[in-house]
Amino acid sequence: MRATARLATGALIGGTVLMGGTAALAAGPPSDEAAAAKAAASPAALQRLGAFFVHLDQHRRGQLVDQAVPKAAAQAKAPRLEGSVQRVHSLNPAFVKGDGGAPVATFAYMAVGAVSASGQHATVWLTRTGAGWQVMNVISGSEEAVYPARAQGGTVFTEPQIHAWYRLKDGRVTALNGTAASSVGRSGVTVAAYRRLVRSRYADKLPGTAYQRSGKLGGYSPATGTGDPAPDRGPAPALLALGAGGAVTAAGVALVRRRRQGGC
C-alpha cells in the first residue's frame, strides 16, 4: 500500500452527497451528461482548472497554494477536458442500514477528466443546481472519471471511506482496484455478503448515531473497516459518517492524502 497525495479545490462534500444519503442527487435523463459537459467546458470552469494546475505545480515545489493565480498563468496551462462525463455512484447508507429494497449504491455526482498542457491530470466533479449543472470540486488524479467507465453492463460505485472501487453485476460485488480487492477478495462477494461487510463497518456510524454526534472520524482499513485515525488522508475522514449532512469547505486548495492500492 502506498500513500498518494491528491489536491482538491472548492468544496469537499461530506457524506450526504458522496454517500448517497437523503440529500443525494437523483440521476436524471441522459441529456444531463451533455449539460454537465457543457458546464465543465465553460470559460469559468476552464479558468478554474488552469488555476488548479498552477496550484499543483506550486504544491510539488513545496510552495503555499492558497494565493490567487494570475489569469495569464492559468490560461498558460491550456486545460482541456478528457473523455466523457461519467455518473459516479457511491455506497448507499440505506443499504448499509438494511432498508428493504435499498440499492447498493446511489448516484452522487458527475465527473469528467481533464488534462493540462504539461500533462497533469485532474477530475472535475459537477452537481445539479436548479435546472443546470455546476462545478463543485476539482481533484487531482483521474479515478472518479476512469473507474465509472468500466461498468461493462453493471454499476460501478465507490466506498469512499476506504477509497475502494467496485463493479456490481449479476448479484456480485467485485473489485476494480487493489483496495477493493483487500475488502472483498479477487473473486468478489455476493450482495448479501457485501451488505454484512459494510454493516459491520458502518452500522454504528450512520446518521443519528452517537459516533456521528461525537464527531469521531477515525480511519478505516479495507480488511476490518475500523482502525486508528489515518492522518495521511487529510480531510478525507469527513466522508466517514455515512449520510452525514453538511460540507467541509476548502480554503483555496486543500491537500487530501489517500491510501490506495492498485490504481487506474
Protein backbone atom coordinates (compact mmCIF):
# COMPACT_ATOMS: atom_id res chain seq x y z
CA MET A 1 0.00 0.00 0.00
CA ARG A 2 1.42 3.36 -0.95
CA ALA A 3 0.38 6.82 0.09
CA THR A 4 -0.86 9.00 -2.75
CA ALA A 5 -1.31 12.75 -2.31
CA ARG A 6 -4.19 14.42 -4.08
CA LEU A 7 -5.15 18.04 -4.29
CA ALA A 8 -8.69 19.29 -4.18
CA THR A 9 -10.14 22.73 -4.66
CA GLY A 10 -13.60 24.08 -3.95
CA ALA A 11 -15.96 22.24 -1.62
CA LEU A 12 -15.12 18.83 -0.21
CA ILE A 13 -18.60 17.48 0.17
CA GLY A 14 -19.46 15.44 3.26
CA GLY A 15 -21.35 12.17 3.46
CA THR A 16 -24.71 13.42 2.20
CA VAL A 17 -23.57 13.75 -1.39
CA LEU A 18 -20.78 11.18 -1.56
CA MET A 19 -22.69 8.55 0.34
CA GLY A 20 -26.00 8.93 -1.47
CA GLY A 21 -27.90 10.00 1.66
CA THR A 22 -31.26 11.70 1.84
CA ALA A 23 -29.92 14.81 0.12
CA ALA A 24 -28.14 12.88 -2.65
CA LEU A 25 -28.99 13.96 -6.14
CA ALA A 26 -31.29 11.79 -8.20
CA ALA A 27 -29.89 10.64 -11.50
CA GLY A 28 -31.53 12.43 -14.39
CA PRO A 29 -32.05 11.65 -18.06
CA PRO A 30 -29.12 11.01 -20.44
CA SER A 31 -29.12 14.65 -21.51
CA ASP A 32 -27.69 15.51 -18.10
CA GLU A 33 -24.28 14.25 -19.21
CA ALA A 34 -24.26 16.72 -22.11
CA ALA A 35 -25.35 19.55 -19.83
CA ALA A 36 -22.67 18.66 -17.28
CA ALA A 37 -20.03 18.50 -20.01
CA LYS A 38 -21.07 21.96 -21.22
CA ALA A 39 -20.72 23.34 -17.68
CA ALA A 40 -17.29 21.76 -17.27
CA ALA A 41 -16.17 23.29 -20.59
CA SER A 42 -17.33 26.81 -19.74
CA PRO A 43 -14.70 29.58 -19.68
CA ALA A 44 -15.09 29.97 -15.92
CA ALA A 45 -14.61 26.24 -15.33
CA LEU A 46 -11.55 26.09 -17.58
CA GLN A 47 -10.07 29.11 -15.80
CA ARG A 48 -10.60 27.31 -12.50
CA LEU A 49 -8.94 24.21 -13.93
CA GLY A 50 -5.96 26.24 -15.12
CA ALA A 51 -5.56 27.77 -11.66
CA PHE A 52 -5.79 24.30 -10.13
CA PHE A 53 -2.97 23.04 -12.33
CA VAL A 54 -0.86 26.05 -11.31
CA HIS A 55 -1.54 25.15 -7.68
CA LEU A 56 -0.40 21.59 -8.41
CA ASP A 57 2.93 22.95 -9.62
CA GLN A 58 3.24 25.09 -6.52
CA HIS A 59 2.45 22.17 -4.23
CA ARG A 60 5.06 19.96 -5.86
CA ARG A 61 7.63 22.70 -5.36
CA GLY A 62 6.69 22.89 -1.68
CA GLN A 63 5.12 26.32 -2.03
CA LEU A 64 1.91 27.63 -0.46
CA VAL A 65 -1.12 27.06 -2.66
CA ASP A 66 -3.66 29.43 -1.14
CA GLN A 67 -2.78 32.53 -3.14
CA ALA A 68 -4.67 33.82 -6.17
CA VAL A 69 -3.44 32.68 -9.57
CA PRO A 70 -2.97 35.31 -12.30
CA LYS A 71 -5.35 34.79 -15.20
CA ALA A 72 -2.47 34.55 -17.68
CA ALA A 73 -0.78 31.82 -15.64
CA ALA A 74 -3.99 29.79 -15.52
CA GLN A 75 -4.56 30.21 -19.25
CA ALA A 76 -0.99 29.10 -19.96
CA LYS A 77 -1.90 25.69 -18.58
CA ALA A 78 -4.33 25.32 -21.53
CA PRO A 79 -6.60 22.87 -19.69
CA ARG A 80 -8.91 20.66 -21.71
CA LEU A 81 -11.47 18.04 -20.83
CA GLU A 82 -10.54 14.43 -21.46
CA GLY A 83 -13.04 11.66 -22.06
CA SER A 84 -16.77 11.64 -21.49
CA VAL A 85 -18.78 12.69 -18.44
CA GLN A 86 -19.40 9.79 -16.07
CA ARG A 87 -22.00 9.23 -13.37
CA VAL A 88 -20.37 8.46 -10.04
CA HIS A 89 -22.28 6.18 -7.70
CA SER A 90 -21.48 5.76 -4.03
CA LEU A 91 -22.32 3.30 -1.26
CA ASN A 92 -25.90 3.85 -0.08
CA PRO A 93 -26.37 4.30 3.71
CA ALA A 94 -29.89 2.89 3.37
CA PHE A 95 -28.33 -0.32 2.03
CA VAL A 96 -25.95 -0.42 4.99
CA LYS A 97 -28.86 0.14 7.35
CA GLY A 98 -30.81 -2.69 5.75
CA ASP A 99 -33.82 -0.79 4.41
CA GLY A 100 -35.89 -3.15 2.30
CA GLY A 101 -35.15 -2.87 -1.39
CA ALA A 102 -32.44 -0.21 -0.94
CA PRO A 103 -29.90 -0.31 -3.80
CA VAL A 104 -26.27 -0.97 -3.02
CA ALA A 105 -25.23 2.41 -4.39
CA THR A 106 -26.88 5.64 -5.48
CA PHE A 107 -25.93 8.45 -7.82
CA ALA A 108 -23.68 11.06 -6.20
CA TYR A 109 -22.26 13.44 -8.84
CA MET A 110 -20.98 13.72 -12.40
CA ALA A 111 -17.27 13.55 -13.15
CA VAL A 112 -15.10 14.27 -16.17
CA GLY A 113 -11.35 14.08 -16.59
CA ALA A 114 -9.12 16.99 -17.53
CA VAL A 115 -5.50 17.42 -18.58
CA SER A 116 -3.14 20.38 -18.75
CA ALA A 117 -0.69 21.31 -21.50
CA SER A 118 2.09 19.89 -19.31
CA GLY A 119 0.35 16.53 -18.86
CA GLN A 120 -1.16 16.97 -15.39
CA HIS A 121 -4.42 15.11 -14.77
CA ALA A 122 -7.43 16.16 -12.72
CA THR A 123 -11.10 15.31 -12.36
CA VAL A 124 -13.96 17.82 -12.34
CA TRP A 125 -16.96 16.99 -10.14
CA LEU A 126 -20.33 18.51 -11.01
CA THR A 127 -23.66 18.69 -9.20
CA ARG A 128 -27.09 19.87 -10.27
CA THR A 129 -28.23 23.35 -9.33
CA GLY A 130 -31.81 24.02 -10.33
CA ALA A 131 -32.13 23.16 -13.99
CA GLY A 132 -28.38 23.13 -14.67
CA TRP A 133 -25.06 21.77 -13.51
CA GLN A 134 -22.10 23.44 -11.83
CA VAL A 135 -18.54 22.51 -10.88
CA MET A 136 -18.43 21.67 -7.18
CA ASN A 137 -14.87 20.37 -6.95
CA VAL A 138 -11.64 19.72 -8.81
CA ILE A 139 -9.34 16.99 -7.58
CA SER A 140 -6.02 15.65 -8.83
CA GLY A 141 -5.91 12.26 -10.49
CA SER A 142 -8.48 10.57 -12.66
CA GLU A 143 -10.08 7.66 -10.78
CA GLU A 144 -13.52 9.30 -10.44
CA ALA A 145 -13.63 9.68 -14.22
CA VAL A 146 -11.94 6.39 -15.17
CA TYR A 147 -13.49 3.74 -12.92
CA PRO A 148 -17.16 4.51 -13.69
CA ALA A 149 -16.42 3.86 -17.37
CA ARG A 150 -15.70 0.22 -16.50
CA ALA A 151 -19.32 -0.72 -15.82
CA GLN A 152 -19.47 -3.39 -18.58
CA GLY A 153 -23.20 -3.81 -18.15
CA GLY A 154 -23.12 -3.38 -14.39
CA THR A 155 -22.84 -0.46 -11.99
CA VAL A 156 -19.53 0.91 -10.78
CA PHE A 157 -19.54 2.50 -7.35
CA THR A 158 -17.15 3.70 -4.70
CA GLU A 159 -16.89 3.04 -0.99
CA PRO A 160 -15.11 6.34 -0.30
CA GLN A 161 -14.30 5.62 3.33
CA ILE A 162 -11.57 3.21 2.18
CA HIS A 163 -11.15 4.58 -1.38
CA ALA A 164 -12.37 1.32 -2.91
CA TRP A 165 -13.98 0.93 -6.34
CA TYR A 166 -16.31 -1.96 -7.19
CA ARG A 167 -18.46 -3.29 -10.01
CA LEU A 168 -21.95 -4.55 -9.15
CA LYS A 169 -23.11 -7.05 -11.75
CA ASP A 170 -25.19 -10.24 -11.75
CA GLY A 171 -25.65 -10.13 -7.99
CA ARG A 172 -21.95 -9.90 -7.15
CA VAL A 173 -19.71 -7.09 -5.96
CA THR A 174 -16.24 -7.40 -7.48
CA ALA A 175 -13.09 -5.32 -7.03
CA LEU A 176 -11.80 -2.77 -9.51
CA ASN A 177 -8.77 -1.60 -7.54
CA GLY A 178 -6.37 -3.07 -5.01
CA THR A 179 -8.11 -1.56 -2.00
CA ALA A 180 -11.40 -3.13 -3.06
CA ALA A 181 -9.66 -6.48 -3.55
CA SER A 182 -8.40 -6.25 0.02
CA SER A 183 -12.03 -5.73 1.03
CA VAL A 184 -13.93 -8.36 -0.96
CA GLY A 185 -11.19 -10.56 -2.41
CA ARG A 186 -10.20 -11.01 -6.03
CA SER A 187 -13.34 -13.00 -6.90
CA GLY A 188 -15.73 -10.65 -5.10
CA VAL A 189 -18.72 -11.43 -2.90
CA THR A 190 -22.48 -11.66 -3.17
CA VAL A 191 -24.58 -8.58 -2.50
CA ALA A 192 -25.75 -10.15 0.77
CA ALA A 193 -22.17 -10.78 1.88
CA TYR A 194 -21.15 -7.25 0.94
CA ARG A 195 -24.01 -5.84 2.98
CA ARG A 196 -22.87 -7.84 6.01
CA LEU A 197 -19.37 -6.48 5.44
CA VAL A 198 -20.33 -2.80 5.21
CA ARG A 199 -22.84 -3.18 8.02
CA SER A 200 -20.04 -4.41 10.28
CA ARG A 201 -18.02 -1.36 9.29
CA TYR A 202 -20.56 1.42 9.37
CA ALA A 203 -23.83 0.43 11.08
CA ASP A 204 -22.86 2.31 14.24
CA LYS A 205 -21.70 5.34 12.23
CA LEU A 206 -24.89 6.16 10.33
CA PRO A 207 -26.72 9.48 10.76
CA GLY A 208 -28.12 9.89 14.23
CA THR A 209 -25.69 7.52 15.93
CA ALA A 210 -23.59 8.51 18.93
CA TYR A 211 -20.50 8.07 16.75
CA GLN A 212 -21.61 10.77 14.32
CA ARG A 213 -22.78 13.12 17.05
CA SER A 214 -19.46 12.79 18.85
CA GLY A 215 -17.56 13.97 15.78
CA LYS A 216 -15.28 10.93 15.80
CA LEU A 217 -14.00 10.46 12.28
CA GLY A 218 -11.26 7.87 12.63
CA GLY A 219 -9.61 5.93 9.84
CA TYR A 220 -10.67 2.64 8.35
CA SER A 221 -8.77 -0.27 6.89
CA PRO A 222 -10.10 -2.29 3.92
CA ALA A 223 -9.88 -5.54 5.88
CA THR A 224 -11.77 -4.54 9.01
CA GLY A 225 -13.38 -1.19 8.36
CA THR A 226 -12.03 0.06 11.67
CA GLY A 227 -8.74 1.25 12.99
CA ASP A 228 -6.74 4.16 14.26
CA PRO A 229 -7.14 7.61 12.68
CA ALA A 230 -5.34 7.89 9.35
CA PRO A 231 -3.53 11.26 9.35
CA ASP A 232 -2.28 10.81 5.79
CA ARG A 233 -5.84 11.19 4.46
CA GLY A 234 -6.17 14.81 5.47
CA PRO A 235 -9.80 15.96 5.10
CA ALA A 236 -10.90 12.58 3.73
CA PRO A 237 -12.24 11.29 7.11
CA ALA A 238 -15.05 13.85 6.71
CA LEU A 239 -16.55 11.26 4.38
CA LEU A 240 -16.70 8.57 7.04
CA ALA A 241 -20.03 9.31 8.71
CA LEU A 242 -22.41 7.85 6.16
CA GLY A 243 -25.13 10.21 5.08
CA ALA A 244 -23.94 12.97 7.41
CA GLY A 245 -25.10 16.38 6.29
CA GLY A 246 -23.03 19.44 5.69
CA ALA A 247 -19.86 20.18 3.77
CA VAL A 248 -16.25 20.89 4.54
CA THR A 249 -15.22 23.92 2.53
CA ALA A 250 -11.61 24.08 1.44
CA ALA A 251 -9.92 27.46 1.62
CA GLY A 252 -8.09 27.71 -1.66
CA VAL A 253 -6.58 24.27 -2.22
CA ALA A 254 -6.69 21.51 0.38
CA LEU A 255 -4.30 18.59 0.42
CA VAL A 256 -6.07 15.25 0.51
CA ARG A 257 -3.89 12.24 1.08
CA ARG A 258 -5.38 8.91 0.10
CA ARG A 259 -4.07 5.47 0.71
CA ARG A 260 -4.57 3.45 -2.42
CA GLN A 261 -3.61 0.03 -3.73
CA GLY A 262 -3.67 -0.70 -7.40
CA GLY A 263 -4.99 2.15 -9.47
CA CYS A 264 -6.26 3.25 -12.80
